[in-house]
Amino acid sequence: MPVPADQALPPDEVRAAVDRAIADADAAGIRGAELTPWLLARVAELTDGASIRANTALIVNDARLAGRLAAELVRRRGA
């Protein structure tokens, strides 16, 4: 499922934040296992937390869908 529209970031804003975070990581010498958490934190900082809110909304939406699917499977099996 996509991020709910009211929580989604404009694609150009996301791309700019990611590009900037990658450039900043490169300049800081961040590599390997440290890179992903560093990038996520930097993107969150660059978007004033909007990326965290969008990711959280996506997780909630996915969990909601998984619950609906599970309930439908149980219903169809007659359990």
N, C-alpha and C. Protein backbone atom coordinates (compact mmCIF):
# COMPACT_ATOMS: atom_id res chain seq x y z
N MET A 1 0.85 -1.18 0.00
CA MET A 1 0.00 0.00 0.00
C MET A 1 0.90 1.24 0.00
N PRO A 2 0.46 2.27 -0.65
CA PRO A 2 1.23 3.52 -0.61
C PRO A 2 1.02 4.26 0.71
N VAL A 3 1.86 5.24 0.93
CA VAL A 3 1.69 6.12 2.09
C VAL A 3 0.37 6.88 1.90
N PRO A 4 -0.44 7.02 2.95
CA PRO A 4 -1.67 7.80 2.81
C PRO A 4 -1.36 9.20 2.29
N ALA A 5 -2.20 9.69 1.42
CA ALA A 5 -1.95 10.98 0.75
C ALA A 5 -1.72 12.11 1.74
N ASP A 6 -2.42 12.09 2.86
CA ASP A 6 -2.26 13.19 3.82
C ASP A 6 -0.95 13.13 4.58
N GLN A 7 -0.22 12.02 4.48
CA GLN A 7 1.07 11.86 5.15
C GLN A 7 2.24 11.78 4.17
N ALA A 8 1.94 11.68 2.89
CA ALA A 8 2.98 11.52 1.88
C ALA A 8 3.75 12.83 1.67
N LEU A 9 5.01 12.67 1.33
CA LEU A 9 5.85 13.81 1.00
C LEU A 9 5.88 13.99 -0.52
N PRO A 10 5.97 15.21 -0.98
CA PRO A 10 6.11 15.41 -2.43
C PRO A 10 7.37 14.71 -2.94
N PRO A 11 7.28 14.01 -4.06
CA PRO A 11 8.43 13.27 -4.58
C PRO A 11 9.69 14.12 -4.75
N ASP A 12 9.53 15.35 -5.20
CA ASP A 12 10.71 16.19 -5.39
C ASP A 12 11.37 16.54 -4.05
N GLU A 13 10.58 16.67 -3.00
CA GLU A 13 11.12 16.95 -1.66
C GLU A 13 11.89 15.74 -1.13
N VAL A 14 11.33 14.56 -1.34
CA VAL A 14 11.99 13.33 -0.91
C VAL A 14 13.31 13.16 -1.65
N ARG A 15 13.27 13.32 -2.97
CA ARG A 15 14.47 13.15 -3.79
C ARG A 15 15.55 14.14 -3.35
N ALA A 16 15.18 15.38 -3.11
CA ALA A 16 16.15 16.39 -2.69
C ALA A 16 16.76 16.03 -1.34
N ALA A 17 15.93 15.57 -0.41
CA ALA A 17 16.43 15.20 0.92
C ALA A 17 17.36 13.99 0.83
N VAL A 18 16.99 13.00 0.05
CA VAL A 18 17.82 11.81 -0.10
C VAL A 18 19.14 12.16 -0.78
N ASP A 19 19.08 12.95 -1.84
CA ASP A 19 20.31 13.37 -2.53
C ASP A 19 21.23 14.13 -1.59
N ARG A 20 20.66 15.03 -0.82
CA ARG A 20 21.46 15.81 0.13
C ARG A 20 22.06 14.92 1.20
N ALA A 21 21.25 13.98 1.73
CA ALA A 21 21.73 13.07 2.76
C ALA A 21 22.87 12.20 2.23
N ILE A 22 22.75 11.71 1.01
CA ILE A 22 23.81 10.90 0.41
C ILE A 22 25.08 11.73 0.26
N ALA A 23 24.95 12.95 -0.21
CA ALA A 23 26.12 13.82 -0.35
C ALA A 23 26.75 14.11 1.00
N ASP A 24 25.93 14.35 2.00
CA ASP A 24 26.44 14.62 3.35
C ASP A 24 27.16 13.39 3.92
N ALA A 25 26.59 12.21 3.69
CA ALA A 25 27.22 10.98 4.18
C ALA A 25 28.57 10.78 3.51
N ASP A 26 28.61 11.01 2.22
CA ASP A 26 29.86 10.87 1.49
C ASP A 26 30.91 11.83 2.03
N ALA A 27 30.51 13.07 2.24
CA ALA A 27 31.43 14.09 2.76
C ALA A 27 31.92 13.75 4.17
N ALA A 28 31.06 13.10 4.95
CA ALA A 28 31.41 12.74 6.33
C ALA A 28 32.13 11.39 6.41
N GLY A 29 32.24 10.69 5.28
CA GLY A 29 32.91 9.40 5.27
C GLY A 29 32.09 8.29 5.89
N ILE A 30 30.78 8.44 5.91
CA ILE A 30 29.89 7.41 6.47
C ILE A 30 29.75 6.29 5.45
N ARG A 31 30.03 5.06 5.88
CA ARG A 31 29.96 3.92 4.97
C ARG A 31 29.54 2.66 5.72
N GLY A 32 29.33 1.61 4.97
CA GLY A 32 29.07 0.29 5.56
C GLY A 32 27.79 0.25 6.38
N ALA A 33 27.86 -0.49 7.47
CA ALA A 33 26.68 -0.72 8.31
C ALA A 33 26.14 0.57 8.92
N GLU A 34 26.96 1.58 9.03
CA GLU A 34 26.51 2.85 9.60
C GLU A 34 25.67 3.67 8.63
N LEU A 35 25.77 3.38 7.33
CA LEU A 35 25.18 4.25 6.32
C LEU A 35 23.65 4.34 6.39
N THR A 36 22.97 3.21 6.41
CA THR A 36 21.49 3.25 6.36
C THR A 36 20.89 4.00 7.55
N PRO A 37 21.25 3.68 8.78
CA PRO A 37 20.66 4.44 9.89
C PRO A 37 21.03 5.92 9.84
N TRP A 38 22.23 6.21 9.39
CA TRP A 38 22.66 7.61 9.28
C TRP A 38 21.81 8.35 8.23
N LEU A 39 21.61 7.70 7.08
CA LEU A 39 20.79 8.32 6.03
C LEU A 39 19.36 8.54 6.49
N LEU A 40 18.78 7.54 7.15
CA LEU A 40 17.41 7.69 7.64
C LEU A 40 17.29 8.85 8.63
N ALA A 41 18.25 8.95 9.52
CA ALA A 41 18.23 10.05 10.49
C ALA A 41 18.43 11.39 9.80
N ARG A 42 19.32 11.43 8.83
CA ARG A 42 19.58 12.70 8.12
C ARG A 42 18.36 13.12 7.29
N VAL A 43 17.72 12.19 6.63
CA VAL A 43 16.51 12.51 5.85
C VAL A 43 15.42 13.01 6.80
N ALA A 44 15.28 12.37 7.96
CA ALA A 44 14.29 12.83 8.95
C ALA A 44 14.60 14.27 9.36
N GLU A 45 15.86 14.55 9.58
CA GLU A 45 16.27 15.90 9.97
C GLU A 45 15.97 16.90 8.84
N LEU A 46 16.31 16.53 7.62
CA LEU A 46 16.11 17.43 6.48
C LEU A 46 14.63 17.68 6.17
N THR A 47 13.77 16.73 6.53
CA THR A 47 12.33 16.88 6.27
C THR A 47 11.57 17.30 7.53
N ASP A 48 12.28 17.72 8.54
CA ASP A 48 11.65 18.13 9.81
C ASP A 48 10.73 17.04 10.37
N GLY A 49 11.15 15.79 10.23
CA GLY A 49 10.39 14.67 10.78
C GLY A 49 9.28 14.14 9.88
N ALA A 50 9.04 14.79 8.75
CA ALA A 50 7.95 14.34 7.87
C ALA A 50 8.21 12.94 7.33
N SER A 51 9.47 12.59 7.10
CA SER A 51 9.76 11.24 6.59
C SER A 51 9.42 10.18 7.63
N ILE A 52 9.62 10.48 8.90
CA ILE A 52 9.27 9.53 9.96
C ILE A 52 7.75 9.38 10.03
N ARG A 53 7.04 10.49 9.95
CA ARG A 53 5.57 10.41 9.98
C ARG A 53 5.05 9.62 8.78
N ALA A 54 5.64 9.83 7.60
CA ALA A 54 5.21 9.10 6.41
C ALA A 54 5.50 7.61 6.56
N ASN A 55 6.69 7.26 7.05
CA ASN A 55 7.03 5.84 7.24
C ASN A 55 6.13 5.19 8.28
N THR A 56 5.83 5.90 9.34
CA THR A 56 4.93 5.37 10.38
C THR A 56 3.54 5.14 9.80
N ALA A 57 3.05 6.09 9.03
CA ALA A 57 1.73 5.94 8.41
C ALA A 57 1.71 4.74 7.46
N LEU A 58 2.80 4.52 6.75
CA LEU A 58 2.91 3.38 5.85
C LEU A 58 2.86 2.07 6.64
N ILE A 59 3.58 2.00 7.74
CA ILE A 59 3.58 0.80 8.58
C ILE A 59 2.17 0.52 9.12
N VAL A 60 1.51 1.55 9.59
CA VAL A 60 0.15 1.39 10.12
C VAL A 60 -0.79 0.92 9.02
N ASN A 61 -0.68 1.51 7.84
CA ASN A 61 -1.53 1.10 6.72
C ASN A 61 -1.27 -0.37 6.35
N ASP A 62 -0.01 -0.75 6.31
CA ASP A 62 0.33 -2.14 5.98
C ASP A 62 -0.22 -3.10 7.03
N ALA A 63 -0.11 -2.73 8.30
CA ALA A 63 -0.64 -3.58 9.37
C ALA A 63 -2.16 -3.69 9.26
N ARG A 64 -2.81 -2.59 8.94
CA ARG A 64 -4.27 -2.60 8.77
C ARG A 64 -4.66 -3.55 7.65
N LEU A 65 -3.97 -3.47 6.53
CA LEU A 65 -4.25 -4.36 5.40
C LEU A 65 -3.98 -5.81 5.78
N ALA A 66 -2.89 -6.07 6.47
CA ALA A 66 -2.58 -7.44 6.89
C ALA A 66 -3.68 -7.98 7.79
N GLY A 67 -4.20 -7.16 8.68
CA GLY A 67 -5.30 -7.58 9.54
C GLY A 67 -6.55 -7.92 8.76
N ARG A 68 -6.86 -7.08 7.78
CA ARG A 68 -8.04 -7.35 6.94
C ARG A 68 -7.87 -8.64 6.15
N LEU A 69 -6.67 -8.85 5.62
CA LEU A 69 -6.42 -10.08 4.85
C LEU A 69 -6.53 -11.30 5.75
N ALA A 70 -5.96 -11.21 6.94
CA ALA A 70 -6.04 -12.34 7.87
C ALA A 70 -7.49 -12.64 8.24
N ALA A 71 -8.27 -11.61 8.51
CA ALA A 71 -9.68 -11.80 8.87
C ALA A 71 -10.44 -12.43 7.70
N GLU A 72 -10.15 -12.01 6.50
CA GLU A 72 -10.83 -12.58 5.33
C GLU A 72 -10.43 -14.04 5.13
N LEU A 73 -9.18 -14.37 5.33
CA LEU A 73 -8.75 -15.77 5.22
C LEU A 73 -9.46 -16.64 6.25
N VAL A 74 -9.57 -16.17 7.46
CA VAL A 74 -10.27 -16.91 8.51
C VAL A 74 -11.74 -17.06 8.12
N ARG A 75 -12.35 -16.00 7.65
CA ARG A 75 -13.76 -16.06 7.25
C ARG A 75 -13.97 -17.08 6.14
N ARG A 76 -13.08 -17.10 5.16
CA ARG A 76 -13.23 -18.03 4.03
C ARG A 76 -13.00 -19.50 4.43
N ARG A 77 -12.20 -19.69 5.44
CA ARG A 77 -11.94 -21.06 5.90
C ARG A 77 -12.98 -21.53 6.89
N GLY A 78 -13.85 -20.62 7.30
CA GLY A 78 -14.92 -20.98 8.21
C GLY A 78 -14.46 -21.22 9.64
N ALA A 79 -13.34 -20.69 9.98
CA ALA A 79 -12.81 -20.93 11.33
C ALA A 79 -13.44 -20.04 12.35
